C-alpha atoms as a PDB file:
ATOM      1  CA  UNK A   1     -11.573   3.630   3.776  1.00  0.00           C
ATOM      2  CA  UNK A   2      -9.344   2.995   0.778  1.00  0.00           C
ATOM      3  CA  UNK A   3     -10.950   1.794  -2.430  1.00  0.00           C
ATOM      4  CA  UNK A   4      -9.106  -0.741  -4.552  1.00  0.00           C
ATOM      5  CA  UNK A   5      -8.898  -0.256  -8.255  1.00  0.00           C
ATOM      6  CA  UNK A   6      -9.188  -3.621 -10.005  1.00  0.00           C
ATOM      7  CA  UNK A   7      -7.010  -4.439 -12.992  1.00  0.00           C
ATOM      8  CA  UNK A   8      -8.164  -6.929 -15.572  1.00  0.00           C
ATOM      9  CA  UNK A   9      -5.141  -8.962 -16.552  1.00  0.00           C
ATOM     10  CA  UNK A  10      -6.181 -10.325 -19.920  1.00  0.00           C
ATOM     11  CA  UNK A  11      -2.618  -9.915 -21.104  1.00  0.00           C
ATOM     12  CA  UNK A  12      -1.397 -12.931 -19.139  1.00  0.00           C
ATOM     13  CA  UNK A  13      -1.664 -15.213 -22.142  1.00  0.00           C
ATOM     14  CA  UNK A  14      -0.169 -12.743 -24.621  1.00  0.00           C
ATOM     15  CA  UNK A  15       3.502 -13.183 -25.409  1.00  0.00           C
ATOM     16  CA  UNK A  16       4.849  -9.727 -24.688  1.00  0.00           C
ATOM     17  CA  UNK A  17       7.956  -8.381 -23.007  1.00  0.00           C
ATOM     18  CA  UNK A  18       7.899  -7.915 -19.228  1.00  0.00           C
ATOM     19  CA  UNK A  19       5.344  -5.347 -18.093  1.00  0.00           C
ATOM     20  CA  UNK A  20       4.536  -3.789 -14.742  1.00  0.00           C
ATOM     21  CA  UNK A  21       0.953  -3.068 -13.677  1.00  0.00           C
ATOM     22  CA  UNK A  22       0.107  -1.108 -10.546  1.00  0.00           C
ATOM     23  CA  UNK A  23      -3.156  -0.487  -8.687  1.00  0.00           C
ATOM     24  CA  UNK A  24      -3.780   2.424  -6.365  1.00  0.00           C
ATOM     25  CA  UNK A  25      -6.223   3.510  -3.699  1.00  0.00           C
ATOM     26  CA  UNK A  26      -8.474   6.492  -4.343  1.00  0.00           C
ATOM     27  CA  UNK A  27      -5.883   8.522  -2.378  1.00  0.00           C
ATOM     28  CA  UNK A  28      -3.239   7.403  -4.919  1.00  0.00           C
ATOM     29  CA  UNK A  29      -1.362   5.090  -2.531  1.00  0.00           C
ATOM     30  CA  UNK A  30       0.178   2.042  -4.190  1.00  0.00           C
ATOM     31  CA  UNK A  31      -1.701  -1.180  -3.333  1.00  0.00           C
ATOM     32  CA  UNK A  32      -0.481  -3.776  -5.802  1.00  0.00           C
ATOM     33  CA  UNK A  33       2.433  -4.093  -8.175  1.00  0.00           C
ATOM     34  CA  UNK A  34       2.415  -6.923 -10.687  1.00  0.00           C
ATOM     35  CA  UNK A  35       5.362  -7.826 -12.921  1.00  0.00           C
ATOM     36  CA  UNK A  36       4.254  -9.906 -15.889  1.00  0.00           C
ATOM     37  CA  UNK A  37       6.521 -12.099 -17.958  1.00  0.00           C
ATOM     38  CA  UNK A  38       4.906 -14.607 -20.281  1.00  0.00           C
ATOM     39  CA  UNK A  39       2.276 -16.099 -17.987  1.00  0.00           C
ATOM     40  CA  UNK A  40       4.415 -15.709 -14.863  1.00  0.00           C
ATOM     41  CA  UNK A  41       3.929 -12.809 -12.519  1.00  0.00           C
ATOM     42  CA  UNK A  42       5.071 -11.465  -9.206  1.00  0.00           C
ATOM     43  CA  UNK A  43       2.243  -9.820  -7.274  1.00  0.00           C
ATOM     44  CA  UNK A  44       3.131  -7.381  -4.517  1.00  0.00           C
ATOM     45  CA  UNK A  45       0.506  -6.004  -2.148  1.00  0.00           C
ATOM     46  CA  UNK A  46       1.062  -2.921  -0.018  1.00  0.00           C
ATOM     47  CA  UNK A  47      -0.571  -1.494   3.088  1.00  0.00           C
ATOM     48  CA  UNK A  48      -2.164   1.950   3.096  1.00  0.00           C
ATOM     49  CA  UNK A  49       1.041   3.342   4.670  1.00  0.00           C
ATOM     50  CA  UNK A  50       3.064   2.080   1.679  1.00  0.00           C
ATOM     51  CA  UNK A  51       4.812  -0.810   3.430  1.00  0.00           C
ATOM     52  CA  UNK A  52       4.996  -4.158   1.667  1.00  0.00           C
ATOM     53  CA  UNK A  53       2.365  -6.606   2.939  1.00  0.00           C
ATOM     54  CA  UNK A  54       3.016  -9.624   0.720  1.00  0.00           C
ATOM     55  CA  UNK A  55       4.582 -10.836  -2.495  1.00  0.00           C
ATOM     56  CA  UNK A  56       3.527 -13.950  -4.374  1.00  0.00           C
ATOM     57  CA  UNK A  57       4.665 -15.736  -7.505  1.00  0.00           C
ATOM     58  CA  UNK A  58       1.949 -16.848  -9.917  1.00  0.00           C
ATOM     59  CA  UNK A  59       1.951 -19.015 -13.022  1.00  0.00           C
ATOM     60  CA  UNK A  60      -1.080 -19.133 -15.324  1.00  0.00           C
ATOM     61  CA  UNK A  61      -3.220 -17.398 -12.687  1.00  0.00           C
ATOM     62  CA  UNK A  62      -2.333 -19.760  -9.807  1.00  0.00           C
ATOM     63  CA  UNK A  63       0.120 -19.311  -6.992  1.00  0.00           C
ATOM     64  CA  UNK A  64       3.231 -21.171  -7.956  1.00  0.00           C
ATOM     65  CA  UNK A  65       6.470 -20.566  -6.128  1.00  0.00           C
ATOM     66  CA  UNK A  66       7.226 -18.578  -3.019  1.00  0.00           C
ATOM     67  CA  UNK A  67       4.742 -16.353  -1.182  1.00  0.00           C
ATOM     68  CA  UNK A  68       6.103 -14.076   1.518  1.00  0.00           C
ATOM     69  CA  UNK A  69       4.022 -12.117   4.006  1.00  0.00           C
ATOM     70  CA  UNK A  70       5.498  -9.273   6.051  1.00  0.00           C
ATOM     71  CA  UNK A  71       4.791  -7.590   9.361  1.00  0.00           C
ATOM     72  CA  UNK A  72       4.393  -3.804   9.221  1.00  0.00           C
ATOM     73  CA  UNK A  73       7.933  -3.492  10.633  1.00  0.00           C
ATOM     74  CA  UNK A  74       9.265  -5.182   7.473  1.00  0.00           C
ATOM     75  CA  UNK A  75      10.179  -8.507   9.073  1.00  0.00           C
ATOM     76  CA  UNK A  76       9.004 -11.708   7.446  1.00  0.00           C
ATOM     77  CA  UNK A  77       5.746 -13.075   8.855  1.00  0.00           C
ATOM     78  CA  UNK A  78       5.464 -16.182   6.651  1.00  0.00           C
ATOM     79  CA  UNK A  79       7.171 -18.008   3.787  1.00  0.00           C
ATOM     80  CA  UNK A  80       4.938 -20.481   1.981  1.00  0.00           C
ATOM     81  CA  UNK A  81       5.691 -22.459  -1.171  1.00  0.00           C
ATOM     82  CA  UNK A  82       2.947 -23.243  -3.671  1.00  0.00           C
ATOM     83  CA  UNK A  83       2.702 -25.541  -6.663  1.00  0.00           C
ATOM     84  CA  UNK A  84      -0.310 -25.277  -8.988  1.00  0.00           C
ATOM     85  CA  UNK A  85      -2.250 -23.198  -6.456  1.00  0.00           C
ATOM     86  CA  UNK A  86      -1.719 -25.484  -3.454  1.00  0.00           C
ATOM     87  CA  UNK A  87       0.719 -25.355  -0.585  1.00  0.00           C
ATOM     88  CA  UNK A  88       3.616 -27.680  -1.294  1.00  0.00           C
ATOM     89  CA  UNK A  89       6.848 -28.030   0.649  1.00  0.00           C
ATOM     90  CA  UNK A  90       7.917 -26.360   3.871  1.00  0.00           C
ATOM     91  CA  UNK A  91       6.052 -23.277   5.116  1.00  0.00           C
ATOM     92  CA  UNK A  92       7.542 -21.203   7.916  1.00  0.00           C
ATOM     93  CA  UNK A  93       5.691 -18.714  10.106  1.00  0.00           C
ATOM     94  CA  UNK A  94       7.543 -16.237  12.318  1.00  0.00           C
ATOM     95  CA  UNK A  95       6.922 -14.147  15.416  1.00  0.00           C
ATOM     96  CA  UNK A  96       7.399 -10.369  14.925  1.00  0.00           C
ATOM     97  CA  UNK A  97      10.819 -10.812  16.544  1.00  0.00           C
ATOM     98  CA  UNK A  98      11.937 -13.027  13.645  1.00  0.00           C
ATOM     99  CA  UNK A  99      11.952 -16.278  15.662  1.00  0.00           C
ATOM    100  CA  UNK A 100      10.188 -19.211  14.041  1.00  0.00           C
ATOM    101  CA  UNK A 101       6.653 -19.777  15.346  1.00  0.00           C
ATOM    102  CA  UNK A 102       5.666 -22.873  13.386  1.00  0.00           C
ATOM    103  CA  UNK A 103       6.830 -24.982  10.519  1.00  0.00           C
ATOM    104  CA  UNK A 104       4.432 -26.934   8.341  1.00  0.00           C
ATOM    105  CA  UNK A 105       5.330 -29.428   5.646  1.00  0.00           C
ATOM    106  CA  UNK A 106       2.701 -29.646   2.915  1.00  0.00           C
ATOM    107  CA  UNK A 107       2.243 -32.218   0.183  1.00  0.00           C
ATOM    108  CA  UNK A 108      -0.211 -31.069  -2.507  1.00  0.00           C
ATOM    109  CA  UNK A 109      -2.129 -28.851  -0.088  1.00  0.00           C
ATOM    110  CA  UNK A 110      -2.315 -31.355   2.773  1.00  0.00           C
ATOM    111  CA  UNK A 111      -0.399 -31.072   6.025  1.00  0.00           C
ATOM    112  CA  UNK A 112       2.186 -33.818   6.366  1.00  0.00           C
ATOM    113  CA  UNK A 113       4.078 -32.495   9.387  1.00  0.00           C
ATOM    114  CA  UNK A 114       3.645 -29.638  11.873  1.00  0.00           C
ATOM    115  CA  UNK A 115       5.927 -28.261  14.556  1.00  0.00           C
ATOM    116  CA  UNK A 116       5.107 -25.337  16.843  1.00  0.00           C
ATOM    117  CA  UNK A 117       7.726 -23.266  18.658  1.00  0.00           C
ATOM    118  CA  UNK A 118       7.550 -20.909  21.622  1.00  0.00           C
ATOM    119  CA  UNK A 119       8.742 -17.292  21.512  1.00  0.00           C
ATOM    120  CA  UNK A 120      12.278 -18.445  22.303  1.00  0.00           C
ATOM    121  CA  UNK A 121      12.314 -20.813  19.333  1.00  0.00           C
ATOM    122  CA  UNK A 122      12.025 -24.045  21.341  1.00  0.00           C
ATOM    123  CA  UNK A 123       9.790 -26.713  19.843  1.00  0.00           C
ATOM    124  CA  UNK A 124       6.703 -27.232  22.011  1.00  0.00           C
ATOM    125  CA  UNK A 125       4.623 -29.475  19.748  1.00  0.00           C
ATOM    126  CA  UNK A 126       4.957 -31.860  16.820  1.00  0.00           C
END
Protein backbone atom coordinates (compact mmCIF):
# COMPACT_ATOMS: atom_id res chain seq x y z
CA UNK A 1 0.00 0.00 0.00
CA UNK A 2 1.37 3.40 -0.96
CA UNK A 3 2.02 5.92 1.79
CA UNK A 4 1.30 9.57 1.11
CA UNK A 5 3.79 12.17 2.14
CA UNK A 6 1.97 15.25 3.42
CA UNK A 7 3.18 18.72 2.53
CA UNK A 8 2.45 21.64 4.80
CA UNK A 9 1.62 24.57 2.57
CA UNK A 10 2.28 27.50 4.87
CA UNK A 11 3.63 29.42 1.91
CA UNK A 12 0.17 30.04 0.47
CA UNK A 13 -0.06 33.48 2.04
CA UNK A 14 3.51 34.51 1.19
CA UNK A 15 3.94 36.64 -1.90
CA UNK A 16 6.52 34.66 -3.82
CA UNK A 17 6.99 33.74 -7.46
CA UNK A 18 5.26 30.61 -8.77
CA UNK A 19 6.49 27.43 -7.10
CA UNK A 20 5.82 23.76 -7.69
CA UNK A 21 5.47 21.29 -4.82
CA UNK A 22 5.25 17.54 -5.35
CA UNK A 23 4.40 14.65 -3.03
CA UNK A 24 5.44 11.06 -3.61
CA UNK A 25 4.60 7.59 -2.39
CA UNK A 26 7.20 5.63 -0.44
CA UNK A 27 8.02 3.94 -3.78
CA UNK A 28 8.78 7.41 -5.22
CA UNK A 29 5.73 7.55 -7.51
CA UNK A 30 4.30 11.03 -7.99
CA UNK A 31 0.98 11.51 -6.14
CA UNK A 32 0.34 15.24 -6.11
CA UNK A 33 1.69 18.23 -7.96
CA UNK A 34 0.76 21.69 -6.73
CA UNK A 35 1.56 24.91 -8.59
CA UNK A 36 1.40 27.91 -6.28
CA UNK A 37 0.97 31.49 -7.41
CA UNK A 38 0.04 34.06 -4.79
CA UNK A 39 -2.72 32.23 -2.95
CA UNK A 40 -3.94 30.41 -6.07
CA UNK A 41 -2.91 26.86 -6.78
CA UNK A 42 -3.54 24.02 -9.15
CA UNK A 43 -3.55 20.66 -7.39
CA UNK A 44 -2.99 17.54 -9.47
CA UNK A 45 -3.44 14.06 -8.01
CA UNK A 46 -2.04 10.95 -9.64
CA UNK A 47 -2.76 7.24 -9.37
CA UNK A 48 -0.08 4.76 -8.31
CA UNK A 49 0.50 3.93 -12.01
CA UNK A 50 1.33 7.60 -12.71
CA UNK A 51 -1.86 8.50 -14.58
CA UNK A 52 -3.61 11.75 -13.73
CA UNK A 53 -6.60 11.22 -11.42
CA UNK A 54 -7.78 14.79 -10.89
CA UNK A 55 -6.83 18.44 -11.09
CA UNK A 56 -8.44 21.21 -9.07
CA UNK A 57 -8.05 24.96 -8.83
CA UNK A 58 -7.88 26.44 -5.34
CA UNK A 59 -7.93 29.98 -4.00
CA UNK A 60 -7.04 30.71 -0.37
CA UNK A 61 -7.29 27.01 0.49
CA UNK A 62 -10.76 26.46 -1.03
CA UNK A 63 -11.73 24.95 -4.34
CA UNK A 64 -12.41 27.81 -6.67
CA UNK A 65 -12.62 27.24 -10.39
CA UNK A 66 -12.65 24.06 -12.41
CA UNK A 67 -12.09 20.56 -11.01
CA UNK A 68 -11.59 17.75 -13.49
CA UNK A 69 -11.57 14.05 -12.65
CA UNK A 70 -10.23 11.45 -15.08
CA UNK A 71 -10.76 7.77 -15.77
CA UNK A 72 -7.60 5.64 -15.82
CA UNK A 73 -7.79 5.65 -19.64
CA UNK A 74 -7.28 9.44 -19.58
CA UNK A 75 -10.83 10.40 -20.57
CA UNK A 76 -12.67 12.99 -18.52
CA UNK A 77 -14.90 11.53 -15.81
CA UNK A 78 -16.25 14.82 -14.40
CA UNK A 79 -15.99 18.59 -14.78
CA UNK A 80 -17.23 20.53 -11.77
CA UNK A 81 -17.03 24.27 -11.14
CA UNK A 82 -16.54 25.62 -7.63
CA UNK A 83 -16.79 29.07 -6.09
CA UNK A 84 -15.56 29.61 -2.52
CA UNK A 85 -15.46 25.87 -1.84
CA UNK A 86 -18.97 25.05 -3.09
CA UNK A 87 -20.23 23.68 -6.36
CA UNK A 88 -21.46 26.52 -8.52
CA UNK A 89 -22.52 26.39 -12.16
CA UNK A 90 -22.84 23.41 -14.47
CA UNK A 91 -21.18 20.11 -13.54
CA UNK A 92 -20.89 17.38 -16.15
CA UNK A 93 -20.25 13.69 -15.49
CA UNK A 94 -19.26 11.31 -18.28
CA UNK A 95 -19.33 7.59 -19.03
CA UNK A 96 -15.90 6.04 -19.77
CA UNK A 97 -16.84 6.27 -23.46
CA UNK A 98 -16.93 10.08 -23.22
CA UNK A 99 -20.73 10.36 -23.53
CA UNK A 100 -22.42 12.59 -20.97
CA UNK A 101 -23.96 10.67 -18.06
CA UNK A 102 -25.51 13.51 -16.08
CA UNK A 103 -25.53 17.25 -15.92
CA UNK A 104 -26.15 19.13 -12.70
CA UNK A 105 -26.61 22.86 -12.30
CA UNK A 106 -25.52 24.12 -8.88
CA UNK A 107 -26.16 27.44 -7.20
CA UNK A 108 -23.95 27.97 -4.13
CA UNK A 109 -23.66 24.24 -3.45
CA UNK A 110 -27.34 23.40 -3.95
CA UNK A 111 -28.74 21.47 -6.89
CA UNK A 112 -30.94 23.64 -9.08
CA UNK A 113 -31.35 21.30 -12.04
CA UNK A 114 -30.43 17.69 -12.85
CA UNK A 115 -30.57 15.71 -16.07
CA UNK A 116 -29.52 12.07 -16.45
CA UNK A 117 -28.58 10.48 -19.77
CA UNK A 118 -28.31 6.88 -20.92
CA UNK A 119 -25.15 5.38 -22.44
CA UNK A 120 -26.20 6.67 -25.86
CA UNK A 121 -26.49 10.23 -24.58
CA UNK A 122 -30.30 10.41 -24.60
CA UNK A 123 -31.87 12.22 -21.67
CA UNK A 124 -33.82 9.79 -19.48
CA UNK A 125 -34.60 12.00 -16.49
CA UNK A 126 -34.90 15.65 -15.50
